[in-house]
N, C-alpha and C. Protein backbone atom coordinates (compact mmCIF):
# COMPACT_ATOMS: atom_id res chain seq x y z
N MET A 1 0.83 -1.17 0.00
CA MET A 1 0.00 0.00 0.00
C MET A 1 0.88 1.25 0.00
N LYS A 2 0.54 2.21 -0.87
CA LYS A 2 1.33 3.43 -0.97
C LYS A 2 1.05 4.37 0.19
N ASP A 3 2.09 5.04 0.61
CA ASP A 3 1.94 6.08 1.63
C ASP A 3 1.50 7.36 0.92
N ILE A 4 0.25 7.74 1.07
CA ILE A 4 -0.32 8.87 0.36
C ILE A 4 0.36 10.19 0.76
N LYS A 5 0.79 10.32 2.00
CA LYS A 5 1.45 11.55 2.45
C LYS A 5 2.71 11.84 1.66
N ASN A 6 3.42 10.81 1.24
CA ASN A 6 4.68 11.00 0.53
C ASN A 6 4.51 11.04 -0.98
N THR A 7 3.31 10.85 -1.47
CA THR A 7 3.06 10.93 -2.90
C THR A 7 2.87 12.39 -3.25
N HIS A 8 3.78 12.90 -4.07
CA HIS A 8 3.74 14.32 -4.42
C HIS A 8 3.49 14.45 -5.92
N ILE A 9 2.26 14.79 -6.27
CA ILE A 9 1.91 14.95 -7.67
C ILE A 9 1.90 16.44 -7.98
N THR A 10 2.68 16.85 -8.96
CA THR A 10 2.69 18.25 -9.35
C THR A 10 2.33 18.36 -10.83
N THR A 11 1.61 19.40 -11.14
CA THR A 11 1.27 19.69 -12.52
C THR A 11 2.41 20.50 -13.11
N PRO A 12 2.88 20.12 -14.30
CA PRO A 12 3.96 20.91 -14.90
C PRO A 12 3.54 22.36 -15.11
N LYS A 13 4.48 23.28 -14.94
CA LYS A 13 4.24 24.69 -15.19
C LYS A 13 4.08 24.90 -16.69
N ARG A 14 3.18 25.79 -17.09
CA ARG A 14 2.92 26.08 -18.49
C ARG A 14 3.75 27.29 -18.91
N VAL A 15 4.47 27.14 -20.02
CA VAL A 15 5.36 28.19 -20.50
C VAL A 15 4.97 28.58 -21.93
N VAL A 16 4.91 29.88 -22.17
CA VAL A 16 4.69 30.41 -23.52
C VAL A 16 5.95 31.17 -23.92
N ILE A 17 6.44 30.90 -25.12
CA ILE A 17 7.57 31.65 -25.68
C ILE A 17 7.01 32.56 -26.76
N ALA A 18 7.31 33.85 -26.67
CA ALA A 18 6.83 34.84 -27.63
C ALA A 18 8.01 35.37 -28.44
N SER A 19 8.17 34.84 -29.66
CA SER A 19 9.25 35.28 -30.53
C SER A 19 8.94 34.89 -31.97
N ALA A 20 9.07 35.84 -32.88
CA ALA A 20 8.89 35.55 -34.30
C ALA A 20 10.18 34.99 -34.91
N ASN A 21 11.25 35.00 -34.15
CA ASN A 21 12.53 34.47 -34.62
C ASN A 21 12.57 32.97 -34.31
N PRO A 22 12.38 32.12 -35.33
CA PRO A 22 12.28 30.68 -35.07
C PRO A 22 13.52 30.06 -34.43
N LEU A 23 14.71 30.54 -34.80
CA LEU A 23 15.93 29.99 -34.19
C LEU A 23 16.03 30.37 -32.72
N PHE A 24 15.72 31.62 -32.41
CA PHE A 24 15.76 32.07 -31.02
C PHE A 24 14.74 31.31 -30.18
N ALA A 25 13.52 31.19 -30.70
CA ALA A 25 12.46 30.47 -29.98
C ALA A 25 12.85 29.01 -29.78
N ARG A 26 13.39 28.39 -30.80
CA ARG A 26 13.82 26.99 -30.69
C ARG A 26 14.94 26.85 -29.66
N GLY A 27 15.87 27.81 -29.68
CA GLY A 27 16.97 27.79 -28.70
C GLY A 27 16.46 27.93 -27.28
N LEU A 28 15.53 28.87 -27.06
CA LEU A 28 14.95 29.04 -25.72
C LEU A 28 14.25 27.76 -25.28
N ARG A 29 13.49 27.19 -26.20
CA ARG A 29 12.75 25.96 -25.88
C ARG A 29 13.70 24.84 -25.51
N LYS A 30 14.77 24.70 -26.27
CA LYS A 30 15.73 23.62 -26.03
C LYS A 30 16.47 23.83 -24.71
N VAL A 31 17.03 25.02 -24.53
CA VAL A 31 17.85 25.29 -23.34
C VAL A 31 17.02 25.16 -22.07
N TYR A 32 15.90 25.87 -22.02
CA TYR A 32 15.13 25.88 -20.78
C TYR A 32 14.23 24.67 -20.66
N GLY A 33 13.65 24.23 -21.76
CA GLY A 33 12.81 23.03 -21.70
C GLY A 33 13.59 21.82 -21.22
N ASP A 34 14.81 21.67 -21.71
CA ASP A 34 15.65 20.55 -21.28
C ASP A 34 16.05 20.68 -19.83
N SER A 35 16.37 21.89 -19.38
CA SER A 35 16.83 22.04 -18.00
C SER A 35 15.68 21.88 -17.01
N TRP A 36 14.45 22.24 -17.40
CA TRP A 36 13.31 22.11 -16.49
C TRP A 36 12.78 20.69 -16.41
N GLY A 37 13.07 19.87 -17.41
CA GLY A 37 12.57 18.50 -17.41
C GLY A 37 11.06 18.45 -17.30
N GLU A 38 10.56 17.67 -16.35
CA GLU A 38 9.12 17.48 -16.18
C GLU A 38 8.45 18.58 -15.37
N LYS A 39 9.23 19.54 -14.87
CA LYS A 39 8.66 20.63 -14.07
C LYS A 39 7.85 21.61 -14.91
N ALA A 40 8.15 21.68 -16.22
CA ALA A 40 7.48 22.65 -17.08
C ALA A 40 7.34 22.10 -18.49
N VAL A 41 6.36 22.63 -19.18
CA VAL A 41 6.15 22.27 -20.58
C VAL A 41 5.86 23.54 -21.38
N VAL A 42 6.52 23.65 -22.53
CA VAL A 42 6.26 24.79 -23.42
C VAL A 42 4.96 24.48 -24.14
N VAL A 43 3.92 25.24 -23.84
CA VAL A 43 2.60 24.99 -24.41
C VAL A 43 2.37 25.76 -25.69
N SER A 44 3.18 26.80 -25.95
CA SER A 44 2.99 27.60 -27.15
C SER A 44 4.27 28.35 -27.48
N VAL A 45 4.59 28.39 -28.76
CA VAL A 45 5.60 29.30 -29.27
C VAL A 45 4.84 30.24 -30.19
N SER A 46 4.61 31.45 -29.71
CA SER A 46 3.78 32.42 -30.41
C SER A 46 4.65 33.36 -31.22
N THR A 47 4.26 33.61 -32.47
CA THR A 47 5.10 34.40 -33.36
C THR A 47 4.51 35.77 -33.72
N SER A 48 3.34 36.08 -33.17
CA SER A 48 2.73 37.38 -33.43
C SER A 48 2.01 37.84 -32.17
N MET A 49 1.67 39.11 -32.13
CA MET A 49 0.96 39.66 -30.97
C MET A 49 -0.38 38.96 -30.77
N GLU A 50 -1.09 38.69 -31.87
CA GLU A 50 -2.38 38.02 -31.77
C GLU A 50 -2.23 36.62 -31.16
N GLU A 51 -1.19 35.90 -31.59
CA GLU A 51 -0.95 34.56 -31.04
C GLU A 51 -0.60 34.62 -29.56
N VAL A 52 0.20 35.61 -29.18
CA VAL A 52 0.58 35.75 -27.77
C VAL A 52 -0.66 36.00 -26.91
N LEU A 53 -1.49 36.96 -27.31
CA LEU A 53 -2.68 37.28 -26.53
C LEU A 53 -3.62 36.09 -26.45
N SER A 54 -3.74 35.35 -27.55
CA SER A 54 -4.57 34.14 -27.55
C SER A 54 -3.99 33.08 -26.60
N ALA A 55 -2.68 32.89 -26.65
CA ALA A 55 -2.02 31.91 -25.78
C ALA A 55 -2.21 32.25 -24.31
N LEU A 56 -2.19 33.55 -23.98
CA LEU A 56 -2.40 33.96 -22.60
C LEU A 56 -3.79 33.55 -22.12
N LYS A 57 -4.79 33.71 -22.98
CA LYS A 57 -6.16 33.36 -22.61
C LYS A 57 -6.37 31.85 -22.57
N VAL A 58 -5.87 31.17 -23.59
CA VAL A 58 -6.11 29.73 -23.71
C VAL A 58 -5.33 28.92 -22.68
N TYR A 59 -4.03 29.19 -22.56
CA TYR A 59 -3.16 28.35 -21.73
C TYR A 59 -2.98 28.85 -20.31
N LYS A 60 -3.27 30.13 -20.05
CA LYS A 60 -3.04 30.72 -18.73
C LYS A 60 -1.67 30.28 -18.20
N PRO A 61 -0.61 30.71 -18.90
CA PRO A 61 0.74 30.23 -18.56
C PRO A 61 1.23 30.71 -17.20
N ASP A 62 2.15 29.94 -16.65
CA ASP A 62 2.82 30.32 -15.41
C ASP A 62 4.00 31.24 -15.71
N LEU A 63 4.57 31.09 -16.92
CA LEU A 63 5.73 31.86 -17.33
C LEU A 63 5.63 32.19 -18.81
N VAL A 64 5.93 33.44 -19.15
CA VAL A 64 6.01 33.85 -20.55
C VAL A 64 7.39 34.41 -20.79
N ILE A 65 8.09 33.88 -21.78
CA ILE A 65 9.41 34.38 -22.16
C ILE A 65 9.21 35.18 -23.44
N VAL A 66 9.52 36.47 -23.37
CA VAL A 66 9.28 37.38 -24.49
C VAL A 66 10.60 37.82 -25.11
N ASP A 67 10.69 37.68 -26.43
CA ASP A 67 11.83 38.17 -27.19
C ASP A 67 11.76 39.69 -27.19
N HIS A 68 12.62 40.30 -26.41
CA HIS A 68 12.62 41.75 -26.20
C HIS A 68 12.83 42.52 -27.49
N ASP A 69 13.56 41.95 -28.45
CA ASP A 69 13.91 42.63 -29.70
C ASP A 69 12.87 42.45 -30.80
N ASP A 70 11.90 41.58 -30.59
CA ASP A 70 10.95 41.24 -31.64
C ASP A 70 9.97 42.38 -31.88
N ARG A 71 9.98 42.94 -33.08
CA ARG A 71 9.10 44.06 -33.40
C ARG A 71 7.65 43.61 -33.63
N LYS A 72 7.44 42.31 -33.86
CA LYS A 72 6.08 41.80 -34.04
C LYS A 72 5.36 41.63 -32.71
N ILE A 73 6.13 41.55 -31.63
CA ILE A 73 5.55 41.43 -30.30
C ILE A 73 5.63 42.81 -29.66
N ASN A 74 4.53 43.52 -29.64
CA ASN A 74 4.51 44.86 -29.09
C ASN A 74 4.59 44.76 -27.57
N ARG A 75 5.73 45.18 -27.02
CA ARG A 75 5.96 45.05 -25.58
C ARG A 75 4.92 45.81 -24.76
N GLU A 76 4.55 47.00 -25.21
CA GLU A 76 3.58 47.79 -24.45
C GLU A 76 2.23 47.09 -24.39
N THR A 77 1.77 46.58 -25.52
CA THR A 77 0.50 45.86 -25.56
C THR A 77 0.58 44.60 -24.69
N PHE A 78 1.70 43.88 -24.82
CA PHE A 78 1.87 42.67 -24.02
C PHE A 78 1.87 42.98 -22.53
N LEU A 79 2.66 43.97 -22.13
CA LEU A 79 2.75 44.29 -20.70
C LEU A 79 1.44 44.83 -20.15
N ASN A 80 0.69 45.58 -20.96
CA ASN A 80 -0.64 46.02 -20.51
C ASN A 80 -1.55 44.82 -20.28
N SER A 81 -1.46 43.84 -21.16
CA SER A 81 -2.25 42.61 -20.99
C SER A 81 -1.82 41.86 -19.75
N PHE A 82 -0.50 41.82 -19.52
CA PHE A 82 0.06 41.15 -18.35
C PHE A 82 -0.44 41.80 -17.06
N VAL A 83 -0.39 43.13 -17.02
CA VAL A 83 -0.81 43.86 -15.83
C VAL A 83 -2.31 43.71 -15.60
N ALA A 84 -3.09 43.73 -16.68
CA ALA A 84 -4.55 43.64 -16.57
C ALA A 84 -5.05 42.24 -16.26
N SER A 85 -4.22 41.24 -16.52
CA SER A 85 -4.63 39.85 -16.33
C SER A 85 -4.77 39.51 -14.85
N ASP A 86 -5.71 38.62 -14.56
CA ASP A 86 -5.85 38.15 -13.18
C ASP A 86 -5.15 36.81 -12.98
N THR A 87 -4.53 36.31 -14.04
CA THR A 87 -3.80 35.04 -13.96
C THR A 87 -2.40 35.29 -13.43
N PRO A 88 -2.02 34.62 -12.35
CA PRO A 88 -0.66 34.80 -11.84
C PRO A 88 0.34 34.18 -12.81
N MET A 89 1.28 34.98 -13.27
CA MET A 89 2.33 34.48 -14.15
C MET A 89 3.56 35.34 -13.99
N ARG A 90 4.66 34.80 -14.43
CA ARG A 90 5.91 35.54 -14.44
C ARG A 90 6.26 35.82 -15.89
N VAL A 91 6.95 36.92 -16.11
CA VAL A 91 7.35 37.31 -17.45
C VAL A 91 8.84 37.58 -17.45
N VAL A 92 9.51 37.08 -18.50
CA VAL A 92 10.93 37.33 -18.68
C VAL A 92 11.11 37.96 -20.05
N LEU A 93 11.78 39.12 -20.10
CA LEU A 93 12.13 39.75 -21.36
C LEU A 93 13.59 39.43 -21.64
N VAL A 94 13.84 38.74 -22.76
CA VAL A 94 15.21 38.37 -23.13
C VAL A 94 15.54 39.01 -24.46
N SER A 95 16.83 39.19 -24.72
CA SER A 95 17.27 39.88 -25.92
C SER A 95 18.45 39.16 -26.55
N LEU A 96 18.42 39.07 -27.87
CA LEU A 96 19.60 38.58 -28.59
C LEU A 96 20.65 39.69 -28.71
N GLY A 97 20.18 40.93 -28.79
CA GLY A 97 21.07 42.05 -29.04
C GLY A 97 21.71 42.64 -27.81
N GLU A 98 21.08 42.52 -26.67
CA GLU A 98 21.59 43.12 -25.43
C GLU A 98 22.16 42.04 -24.53
N VAL A 99 23.29 42.33 -23.92
CA VAL A 99 23.90 41.39 -23.00
C VAL A 99 23.17 41.39 -21.67
N GLU A 100 22.83 42.55 -21.17
CA GLU A 100 22.08 42.67 -19.93
C GLU A 100 21.44 44.03 -19.85
N PRO A 101 20.52 44.31 -19.02
CA PRO A 101 19.93 43.37 -18.08
C PRO A 101 18.80 42.57 -18.70
N VAL A 102 18.58 41.41 -18.18
CA VAL A 102 17.40 40.61 -18.49
C VAL A 102 16.34 41.06 -17.51
N VAL A 103 15.16 41.38 -17.99
CA VAL A 103 14.11 41.86 -17.11
C VAL A 103 13.17 40.73 -16.78
N ILE A 104 12.99 40.49 -15.50
CA ILE A 104 12.07 39.47 -15.02
C ILE A 104 10.99 40.19 -14.24
N TYR A 105 9.76 40.01 -14.64
CA TYR A 105 8.68 40.69 -13.95
C TYR A 105 8.28 39.92 -12.71
N ASP A 106 9.13 40.01 -11.76
CA ASP A 106 8.96 39.83 -10.35
C ASP A 106 9.30 41.21 -9.80
N ARG A 107 9.29 42.18 -10.73
CA ARG A 107 9.58 43.58 -10.48
C ARG A 107 11.02 43.82 -10.08
N ARG A 108 11.92 43.12 -10.74
CA ARG A 108 13.34 43.32 -10.47
C ARG A 108 14.13 43.06 -11.74
N GLN A 109 15.37 43.52 -11.79
CA GLN A 109 16.26 43.25 -12.90
C GLN A 109 17.42 42.41 -12.39
N LEU A 110 17.85 41.49 -13.23
CA LEU A 110 18.97 40.63 -12.87
C LEU A 110 20.05 40.73 -13.94
N THR A 111 21.28 40.43 -13.56
CA THR A 111 22.33 40.32 -14.56
C THR A 111 22.04 39.08 -15.39
N SER A 112 22.71 38.94 -16.50
CA SER A 112 22.50 37.76 -17.34
C SER A 112 22.80 36.48 -16.57
N LYS A 113 23.86 36.47 -15.78
CA LYS A 113 24.23 35.29 -15.00
C LYS A 113 23.13 34.96 -13.98
N GLN A 114 22.63 35.98 -13.28
CA GLN A 114 21.57 35.75 -12.31
C GLN A 114 20.31 35.22 -13.00
N ALA A 115 20.01 35.76 -14.18
CA ALA A 115 18.83 35.32 -14.92
C ALA A 115 18.97 33.87 -15.36
N VAL A 116 20.17 33.48 -15.79
CA VAL A 116 20.40 32.09 -16.19
C VAL A 116 20.16 31.17 -14.98
N ASP A 117 20.70 31.54 -13.84
CA ASP A 117 20.50 30.74 -12.62
C ASP A 117 19.02 30.65 -12.27
N TRP A 118 18.32 31.78 -12.37
CA TRP A 118 16.89 31.81 -12.04
C TRP A 118 16.09 30.96 -13.02
N LEU A 119 16.45 31.05 -14.31
CA LEU A 119 15.70 30.31 -15.33
C LEU A 119 15.92 28.80 -15.25
N ILE A 120 16.99 28.37 -14.64
CA ILE A 120 17.20 26.93 -14.48
C ILE A 120 16.07 26.32 -13.67
N ASP A 121 15.60 27.06 -12.65
CA ASP A 121 14.48 26.57 -11.84
C ASP A 121 13.74 27.76 -11.23
N PRO A 122 12.90 28.44 -12.03
CA PRO A 122 12.23 29.65 -11.53
C PRO A 122 11.21 29.40 -10.44
N TRP A 123 10.80 28.15 -10.27
CA TRP A 123 9.78 27.87 -9.26
C TRP A 123 10.38 27.29 -7.99
N GLY A 124 11.68 27.08 -7.98
CA GLY A 124 12.35 26.59 -6.78
C GLY A 124 11.86 25.23 -6.32
N VAL A 125 11.44 24.42 -7.29
CA VAL A 125 10.90 23.10 -6.95
C VAL A 125 12.01 22.09 -6.99
């Protein structure tokens, strides 16, 4: 008979990647998806503002990684949607062009190294 107290079932965290750059999106998915293992699943790679807003409604992600340099993803529109949403989620703005800072919407900025460490396990599980 199983000891129910020690059975820990967790639902994987839902992640949306917002980038029209297929190589960047694939790289983010590979690097972070592999490091998170079963703790998280990339539920959408959105390549336009419409897709991102739809993914936010449909998947109610725990984490959204936004390509900071992507002109198809309007940061102001996205952040307004993020602020107006009642779904708890974290947002990370990453850039191919900028070395730092990486902006993580826990309302703080981290160096690239700190962001890499945080992204390895953002939920501390």
